[in-house]
Amino acid sequence: MSHPAQIRIPATYIRGGTSKGVFFRLQDLPAACQQPGAARDALFMRVIGSPDPYSAHIDGMGGATSSTSKCVILSKSSVPGHDVDYLYGQVSIDKPFVDWSGNCGNLSTAAGAFAIHAGLVAPERVPQDGVCTVRIWQANIRKTIIAHVPVSHGQVQETGDFELDGVTFPAAEIVLEFLEPSDDGDDGAMFPTGNLVDQLDVPGIGTLPATLISAGIPTVFVNAADIGYSGTELREHINSDTAALQRFEAIRVAGALRMGLIKTPEEAATRQHTPKIAFVAPPQDYTASSGKTIAAGDVDLLVRALSMGKLHHAMMGTCAVAIGTAAAIPGTLVNQAAGGGAREAVRFGHPSGTLRVGAEAVQDNGQWKVTKAIMSRSARILMEGWVRVPGDTF
């Protein structure tokens, strides 16, 4: 019996922030995969190694976590004033689907660096030495991201001394600006319900105060104390507890319904990437997953967030935007956990350490809007060449 040979596709494997993904130029994809649809989804799932009932991704490039089951497509931008279009696919680990409903803030860092590396930025815009400003059109959520990428001798500078908690080795700092990251929606509301704090009815759990915000990525924030936690938890405290994960999913589904992201609870199974669910607490001492002590005085608040049904080992970049935005707005649960009052930046504690994010929020005609969120990350190419998949993949 004959079997089709493997095909090879130019690809680059990159760490961006605390995530990793397989990056493609749109023009390098097989013709059938250059448009959205079943063929593209099938290709990305096979590249990553999903769906995998063993949750190991042995037969693919994925790492069996939400942080490492990602694919990215970049192309020269179709939007005036931008250098590249950046499209992100979150590949489910154990189910046969790719979620296109949101962005990856961590890989936004790598998108800026890859745009230069792949020749998608006009040569005259890349300095010989200095910082290249890459204007990215985030095609999933239709937002602008500006990446300030260091360049040395005309090439992306990847090594450096910038340290990012959750990443083992230092690298070069890339500053990201997320412009007007709040969700436009039908009415332009950052808070889909119109409230800074809602009373969220969760079947099987009860009624919880919650801040439901669309900034960076739709996120459901609840108080750690209201669900029996301290805010100092690490991955092993949550991810080994099946009942706890089911409770978090119930809260996430209730929030998605309240935000109008889904119409029925069943739809949440095919929208695992959004919204995120996070819990917040006032500062206290804890030990990060690296063994480093984080003192209460080092942070403004504690935040833990789940991605694709599991507690994240650090913090998703898009969720960091939501945290910074909510912290800047007096009255939200995030702002209250940080001590209240107006603020333009916040440093929060997460399982791997701390992260600082800034946000500029203003009130316009009674509605809150965020004009910009800023954070620093890093990116590094891990491997480049070709990824191979069986010829009958799509």
Protein backbone atom coordinates (compact mmCIF):
# COMPACT_ATOMS: atom_id res chain seq x y z
CA MET A 1 0.00 0.00 0.00
CA SER A 2 1.48 3.36 -1.02
CA HIS A 3 1.32 6.46 1.11
CA PRO A 4 1.82 10.10 0.04
CA ALA A 5 5.24 11.55 0.70
CA GLN A 6 5.73 14.36 3.14
CA ILE A 7 5.73 17.93 1.91
CA ARG A 8 7.96 20.61 3.34
CA ILE A 9 6.99 24.21 3.98
CA PRO A 10 9.34 27.07 4.87
CA ALA A 11 8.84 27.90 8.54
CA THR A 12 10.54 29.55 11.50
CA TYR A 13 10.17 28.45 15.12
CA ILE A 14 10.29 31.48 17.42
CA ARG A 15 9.97 32.25 21.11
CA GLY A 16 8.05 35.44 21.69
CA GLY A 17 7.67 36.55 25.30
CA THR A 18 6.65 33.48 27.30
CA SER A 19 5.20 31.66 24.27
CA LYS A 20 6.55 29.76 21.26
CA GLY A 21 5.03 29.38 17.81
CA VAL A 22 5.63 28.21 14.26
CA PHE A 23 5.77 31.24 11.92
CA PHE A 24 4.98 31.23 8.21
CA ARG A 25 5.02 33.79 5.45
CA LEU A 26 1.65 33.69 3.71
CA GLN A 27 3.30 33.28 0.30
CA ASP A 28 5.16 30.16 1.50
CA LEU A 29 2.02 28.25 2.44
CA PRO A 30 0.55 25.69 0.01
CA ALA A 31 -2.00 27.35 -2.27
CA ALA A 32 -4.94 25.62 -0.57
CA CYS A 33 -3.81 27.04 2.79
CA GLN A 34 -3.33 30.63 1.71
CA GLN A 35 -7.01 31.31 2.42
CA PRO A 36 -8.92 30.74 5.67
CA GLY A 37 -10.70 27.41 5.83
CA ALA A 38 -10.47 23.70 6.50
CA ALA A 39 -7.19 23.17 4.63
CA ARG A 40 -5.36 25.83 6.64
CA ASP A 41 -6.77 24.51 9.92
CA ALA A 42 -5.78 20.94 9.02
CA LEU A 43 -2.25 22.06 8.18
CA PHE A 44 -1.78 23.93 11.45
CA MET A 45 -3.14 21.06 13.51
CA ARG A 46 -0.75 18.61 11.81
CA VAL A 47 2.19 20.98 12.24
CA ILE A 48 1.52 21.25 15.97
CA GLY A 49 0.57 17.58 16.37
CA SER A 50 -3.10 17.99 17.29
CA PRO A 51 -5.52 16.63 18.23
CA ASP A 52 -3.46 14.50 20.58
CA PRO A 53 -5.33 12.26 23.07
CA TYR A 54 -2.03 11.78 24.90
CA SER A 55 -1.63 15.57 25.37
CA ALA A 56 2.07 15.32 24.54
CA HIS A 57 2.47 16.57 20.93
CA ILE A 58 5.13 13.94 20.31
CA ASP A 59 4.32 13.92 16.58
CA GLY A 60 4.40 17.67 16.04
CA MET A 61 6.03 20.98 16.85
CA GLY A 62 3.72 21.82 19.75
CA GLY A 63 4.67 21.61 23.40
CA ALA A 64 1.30 20.39 24.74
CA THR A 65 0.57 23.67 26.53
CA SER A 66 -1.46 26.70 25.49
CA SER A 67 1.82 28.68 25.36
CA THR A 68 3.38 26.36 22.78
CA SER A 69 0.47 25.29 20.55
CA LYS A 70 0.46 28.28 18.24
CA CYS A 71 0.89 29.10 14.55
CA VAL A 72 1.33 32.51 12.94
CA ILE A 73 1.00 33.83 9.39
CA LEU A 74 2.60 37.11 8.32
CA SER A 75 2.27 38.96 5.03
CA LYS A 76 2.87 42.44 3.70
CA SER A 77 0.04 44.55 5.01
CA SER A 78 -3.15 45.18 3.12
CA VAL A 79 -3.97 48.05 5.50
CA PRO A 80 -2.55 51.52 4.76
CA GLY A 81 0.01 52.75 7.28
CA HIS A 82 1.05 49.27 8.37
CA ASP A 83 4.03 47.09 7.48
CA VAL A 84 2.59 43.62 7.99
CA ASP A 85 -0.63 41.71 8.60
CA TYR A 86 -0.31 39.29 11.51
CA LEU A 87 -2.76 36.40 11.81
CA TYR A 88 -2.66 34.10 14.83
CA GLY A 89 -4.09 30.60 15.31
CA GLN A 90 -4.37 28.97 18.74
CA VAL A 91 -4.34 25.22 18.13
CA SER A 92 -6.35 23.07 20.53
CA ILE A 93 -4.30 20.31 22.11
CA ASP A 94 -6.85 17.53 22.34
CA LYS A 95 -9.65 18.68 20.03
CA PRO A 96 -9.68 19.11 16.24
CA PHE A 97 -9.94 22.87 15.88
CA VAL A 98 -7.96 26.10 15.57
CA ASP A 99 -9.27 29.13 17.45
CA TRP A 100 -8.96 32.38 15.47
CA SER A 101 -10.98 34.53 17.89
CA GLY A 102 -8.15 36.46 19.53
CA ASN A 103 -4.54 37.59 19.54
CA CYS A 104 -1.40 36.35 21.29
CA GLY A 105 0.31 39.28 22.95
CA ASN A 106 3.53 37.35 23.53
CA LEU A 107 3.85 36.33 19.90
CA SER A 108 3.09 39.91 18.86
CA THR A 109 6.69 40.52 19.98
CA ALA A 110 7.95 37.80 17.66
CA ALA A 111 5.72 39.09 14.84
CA GLY A 112 7.62 42.37 14.80
CA ALA A 113 11.00 40.65 14.77
CA PHE A 114 9.95 38.06 12.17
CA ALA A 115 8.57 40.77 9.90
CA ILE A 116 12.09 42.20 9.58
CA HIS A 117 13.80 38.81 9.43
CA ALA A 118 11.47 37.59 6.66
CA GLY A 119 11.95 40.67 4.49
CA LEU A 120 8.37 41.91 4.95
CA VAL A 121 9.42 45.38 6.09
CA ALA A 122 10.62 47.78 3.40
CA PRO A 123 14.45 47.84 3.48
CA GLU A 124 14.56 51.63 3.71
CA ARG A 125 12.61 51.40 6.99
CA VAL A 126 15.20 49.17 8.65
CA PRO A 127 18.14 51.11 10.14
CA GLN A 128 21.66 49.74 10.03
CA ASP A 129 21.84 50.20 13.79
CA GLY A 130 19.14 51.43 16.14
CA VAL A 131 15.46 50.63 16.58
CA CYS A 132 13.06 49.67 13.80
CA THR A 133 9.45 50.64 14.37
CA VAL A 134 7.25 47.92 12.89
CA ARG A 135 3.57 48.76 12.46
CA ILE A 136 1.58 45.53 12.73
CA TRP A 137 -2.04 45.03 11.74
CA GLN A 138 -3.41 42.32 14.04
CA ALA A 139 -5.85 40.70 11.62
CA ASN A 140 -7.73 38.55 14.17
CA ILE A 141 -8.95 41.51 16.21
CA ARG A 142 -8.33 44.29 13.65
CA LYS A 143 -6.06 46.37 15.87
CA THR A 144 -2.72 48.14 15.48
CA ILE A 145 0.36 47.01 17.39
CA ILE A 146 3.65 48.89 17.21
CA ALA A 147 6.80 46.88 17.90
CA HIS A 148 10.05 48.71 18.60
CA VAL A 149 12.63 46.15 17.52
CA PRO A 150 16.38 46.65 18.14
CA VAL A 151 18.56 46.27 15.04
CA SER A 152 22.31 45.71 14.83
CA HIS A 153 24.22 45.67 11.54
CA GLY A 154 20.93 45.67 9.65
CA GLN A 155 19.64 42.53 11.39
CA VAL A 156 17.28 41.98 14.30
CA GLN A 157 19.27 42.02 17.52
CA GLU A 158 18.10 39.03 19.54
CA THR A 159 20.65 38.76 22.34
CA GLY A 160 20.79 41.18 25.24
CA ASP A 161 20.45 41.59 28.99
CA PHE A 162 16.68 42.16 29.27
CA GLU A 163 15.24 39.65 31.72
CA LEU A 164 11.62 38.49 31.51
CA ASP A 165 10.16 36.39 34.30
CA GLY A 166 9.00 33.10 32.81
CA VAL A 167 11.87 33.01 30.29
CA THR A 168 15.08 31.29 31.36
CA PHE A 169 17.68 33.39 29.56
CA PRO A 170 18.01 37.15 28.95
CA ALA A 171 17.57 38.62 25.47
CA ALA A 172 17.12 41.95 23.70
CA GLU A 173 14.19 44.11 24.83
CA ILE A 174 11.34 44.78 22.41
CA VAL A 175 8.81 47.41 23.46
CA LEU A 176 5.22 46.82 22.33
CA GLU A 177 2.47 49.41 22.05
CA PHE A 178 -1.09 48.13 21.70
CA LEU A 179 -3.08 51.03 20.25
CA GLU A 180 -6.73 51.36 21.26
CA PRO A 181 -6.81 47.72 22.36
CA SER A 182 -10.33 47.75 23.76
CA ASP A 183 -12.83 45.75 21.73
CA ASP A 184 -14.86 47.87 19.30
CA GLY A 185 -17.87 45.54 19.44
CA ASP A 186 -21.21 46.88 18.29
CA ASP A 187 -21.20 49.93 20.55
CA GLY A 188 -17.51 50.53 21.13
CA ALA A 189 -17.79 49.60 24.82
CA MET A 190 -14.73 48.41 26.71
CA PHE A 191 -17.12 47.02 29.31
CA PRO A 192 -19.71 45.05 27.30
CA THR A 193 -22.28 45.12 30.12
CA GLY A 194 -21.75 48.80 30.85
CA ASN A 195 -20.61 48.00 34.40
CA LEU A 196 -17.19 48.12 36.05
CA VAL A 197 -18.32 45.28 38.30
CA ASP A 198 -21.13 42.82 37.57
CA GLN A 199 -22.81 40.26 39.75
CA LEU A 200 -22.15 37.14 37.68
CA ASP A 201 -24.48 34.18 38.17
CA VAL A 202 -22.50 30.96 37.71
CA PRO A 203 -24.49 27.70 37.68
CA GLY A 204 -23.33 25.37 40.42
CA ILE A 205 -21.20 28.06 42.08
CA GLY A 206 -23.42 31.04 42.87
CA THR A 207 -23.13 34.78 42.31
CA LEU A 208 -19.67 36.34 42.09
CA PRO A 209 -18.53 39.95 41.64
CA ALA A 210 -16.76 40.11 38.27
CA THR A 211 -15.16 42.69 36.01
CA LEU A 212 -15.88 41.84 32.38
CA ILE A 213 -13.57 43.78 30.07
CA SER A 214 -12.55 43.71 26.41
CA ALA A 215 -9.08 45.20 26.21
CA GLY A 216 -6.22 43.27 24.67
CA ILE A 217 -8.42 40.20 24.90
CA PRO A 218 -11.87 39.68 26.44
CA THR A 219 -11.26 38.78 30.08
CA VAL A 220 -13.35 37.79 33.09
CA PHE A 221 -11.77 38.95 36.37
CA VAL A 222 -12.93 37.63 39.75
CA ASN A 223 -11.54 37.99 43.28
CA ALA A 224 -9.30 35.15 44.40
CA ALA A 225 -10.87 35.16 47.88
CA ASP A 226 -14.38 34.76 46.43
CA ILE A 227 -13.43 31.41 44.87
CA GLY A 228 -11.30 30.07 47.70
CA TYR A 229 -7.82 31.12 46.59
CA SER A 230 -5.11 33.50 47.80
CA GLY A 231 -3.68 34.65 44.48
CA THR A 232 -0.30 33.02 45.21
CA GLU A 233 -1.12 29.72 43.50
CA LEU A 234 1.24 28.06 41.01
CA ARG A 235 0.33 25.76 38.13
CA GLU A 236 0.45 22.55 40.14
CA HIS A 237 -2.07 23.93 42.64
CA ILE A 238 -4.69 24.40 39.93
CA ASN A 239 -3.93 22.18 36.95
CA SER A 240 -3.91 18.93 38.92
CA ASP A 241 -7.38 19.68 40.34
CA THR A 242 -10.01 18.57 37.81
CA ALA A 243 -12.88 19.95 39.88
CA ALA A 244 -11.18 23.36 40.11
CA LEU A 245 -10.65 23.50 36.35
CA GLN A 246 -14.32 22.69 35.82
CA ARG A 247 -15.30 25.54 38.15
CA PHE A 248 -13.08 27.97 36.28
CA GLU A 249 -14.61 26.88 33.00
CA ALA A 250 -18.09 27.42 34.43
CA ILE A 251 -17.11 30.99 35.40
CA ARG A 252 -15.57 31.58 31.98
CA VAL A 253 -18.68 30.34 30.18
CA ALA A 254 -20.94 32.49 32.36
CA GLY A 255 -18.76 35.50 31.60
CA ALA A 256 -18.74 34.76 27.86
CA LEU A 257 -22.52 34.62 27.85
CA ARG A 258 -22.82 37.86 29.83
CA MET A 259 -20.36 39.58 27.47
CA GLY A 260 -22.29 38.43 24.41
CA LEU A 261 -19.36 36.44 23.02
CA ILE A 262 -21.46 33.28 22.78
CA LYS A 263 -25.19 32.63 22.67
CA THR A 264 -25.25 29.18 24.27
CA PRO A 265 -22.94 27.46 26.78
CA GLU A 266 -22.17 24.78 24.19
CA GLU A 267 -20.47 27.35 21.95
CA ALA A 268 -17.72 27.82 24.56
CA ALA A 269 -16.22 24.44 23.60
CA THR A 270 -15.22 25.88 20.23
CA ARG A 271 -14.05 29.20 21.68
CA GLN A 272 -11.47 28.11 24.23
CA HIS A 273 -9.06 30.97 23.52
CA THR A 274 -11.49 33.73 24.50
CA PRO A 275 -12.51 35.02 26.92
CA LYS A 276 -9.75 34.50 29.46
CA ILE A 277 -10.54 33.90 33.11
CA ALA A 278 -8.30 35.48 35.77
CA PHE A 279 -8.40 35.98 39.53
CA VAL A 280 -6.87 38.87 41.47
CA ALA A 281 -5.73 39.54 45.02
CA PRO A 282 -3.94 42.27 47.00
CA PRO A 283 -0.14 41.95 47.32
CA GLN A 284 1.43 39.35 49.59
CA ASP A 285 4.70 37.44 49.74
CA TYR A 286 4.98 34.25 47.68
CA THR A 287 7.55 32.01 46.03
CA ALA A 288 7.53 31.98 42.23
CA SER A 289 7.86 28.77 40.23
CA SER A 290 11.58 29.49 39.75
CA GLY A 291 12.08 29.53 43.52
CA LYS A 292 12.51 33.31 43.60
CA THR A 293 10.82 35.13 46.47
CA ILE A 294 8.38 37.83 45.43
CA ALA A 295 7.79 40.28 48.27
CA ALA A 296 4.47 42.02 48.74
CA GLY A 297 6.27 45.33 48.32
CA ASP A 298 7.50 44.31 44.86
CA VAL A 299 4.04 44.32 43.29
CA ASP A 300 0.79 46.26 43.23
CA LEU A 301 -1.40 43.15 43.09
CA LEU A 302 -1.40 39.43 42.32
CA VAL A 303 -2.99 37.93 39.21
CA ARG A 304 -3.39 34.35 38.02
CA ALA A 305 -4.92 33.60 34.62
CA LEU A 306 -6.04 30.51 32.75
CA SER A 307 -5.48 29.87 29.07
CA MET A 308 -7.12 27.05 27.11
CA GLY A 309 -8.42 25.55 30.34
CA LYS A 310 -5.16 25.52 32.34
CA LEU A 311 -3.41 27.97 34.66
CA HIS A 312 -0.77 29.83 32.64
CA HIS A 313 2.83 29.46 33.78
CA ALA A 314 3.35 33.23 33.62
CA MET A 315 0.96 35.69 31.97
CA MET A 316 -0.48 35.98 28.48
CA GLY A 317 0.53 39.26 26.86
CA THR A 318 -3.02 40.12 25.83
CA CYS A 319 -4.28 39.41 29.34
CA ALA A 320 -1.53 41.69 30.67
CA VAL A 321 -3.06 44.44 28.52
CA ALA A 322 -6.44 43.72 30.11
CA ILE A 323 -4.84 43.82 33.58
CA GLY A 324 -3.09 47.13 32.93
CA THR A 325 -6.24 48.66 31.47
CA ALA A 326 -8.54 47.48 34.25
CA ALA A 327 -6.02 48.61 36.88
CA ALA A 328 -6.07 52.12 35.41
CA ILE A 329 -9.84 52.45 35.85
CA PRO A 330 -11.00 53.16 39.42
CA GLY A 331 -13.68 50.76 40.62
CA THR A 332 -12.79 47.57 38.73
CA LEU A 333 -11.85 44.50 40.74
CA VAL A 334 -8.31 44.75 39.36
CA ASN A 335 -8.03 48.37 40.45
CA GLN A 336 -9.42 47.54 43.87
CA ALA A 337 -6.92 44.71 44.35
CA ALA A 338 -4.15 47.18 43.48
CA GLY A 339 -5.33 49.54 46.20
CA GLY A 340 -7.67 51.77 44.17
CA GLY A 341 -7.12 55.23 42.74
CA ALA A 342 -5.92 56.40 39.35
CA ARG A 343 -2.75 54.88 37.93
CA GLU A 344 -0.94 54.77 34.60
CA ALA A 345 1.06 51.60 35.22
CA VAL A 346 0.89 48.53 37.40
CA ARG A 347 3.32 45.79 38.38
CA PHE A 348 1.61 42.50 39.13
CA GLY A 349 2.78 39.19 40.46
CA HIS A 350 2.18 36.04 38.39
CA PRO A 351 3.31 32.41 38.86
CA SER A 352 6.75 33.01 37.29
CA GLY A 353 7.49 36.42 38.81
CA THR A 354 6.40 39.97 38.03
CA LEU A 355 5.46 42.07 35.02
CA ARG A 356 4.93 45.79 34.55
CA VAL A 357 2.36 47.08 32.07
CA GLY A 358 1.25 50.63 31.41
CA ALA A 359 -2.10 51.82 30.11
CA GLU A 360 -3.57 55.20 29.20
CA ALA A 361 -7.30 55.14 29.95
CA VAL A 362 -9.69 58.06 29.47
CA GLN A 363 -13.40 58.57 29.97
CA ASP A 364 -15.28 59.88 26.92
CA ASN A 365 -19.02 60.63 27.08
CA GLY A 366 -19.35 58.40 30.11
CA GLN A 367 -17.53 55.46 28.52
CA TRP A 368 -14.01 54.32 29.35
CA LYS A 369 -11.53 53.94 26.50
CA VAL A 370 -7.89 52.95 26.52
CA THR A 371 -5.71 54.77 24.02
CA LYS A 372 -2.57 52.70 24.48
CA ALA A 373 -1.08 49.86 26.52
CA ILE A 374 2.68 49.36 26.71
CA MET A 375 4.89 46.49 27.83
CA SER A 376 8.33 45.06 27.19
CA ARG A 377 9.01 41.50 25.99
CA SER A 378 11.72 39.74 24.00
CA ALA A 379 11.89 37.31 21.08
CA ARG A 380 14.41 34.85 19.68
CA ILE A 381 14.48 32.56 16.66
CA LEU A 382 14.98 28.99 17.85
CA MET A 383 15.06 27.21 14.49
CA GLU A 384 14.46 27.99 10.85
CA GLY A 385 14.12 25.90 7.72
CA TRP A 386 11.17 23.71 6.74
CA VAL A 387 8.43 22.00 8.66
CA ARG A 388 7.20 18.71 7.18
CA VAL A 389 3.70 17.25 7.14
CA PRO A 390 2.26 14.21 5.35
CA GLY A 391 1.05 14.97 1.84
CA ASP A 392 -2.54 14.02 2.61
CA THR A 393 -2.83 16.44 5.55
CA PHE A 394 -5.17 18.84 3.76
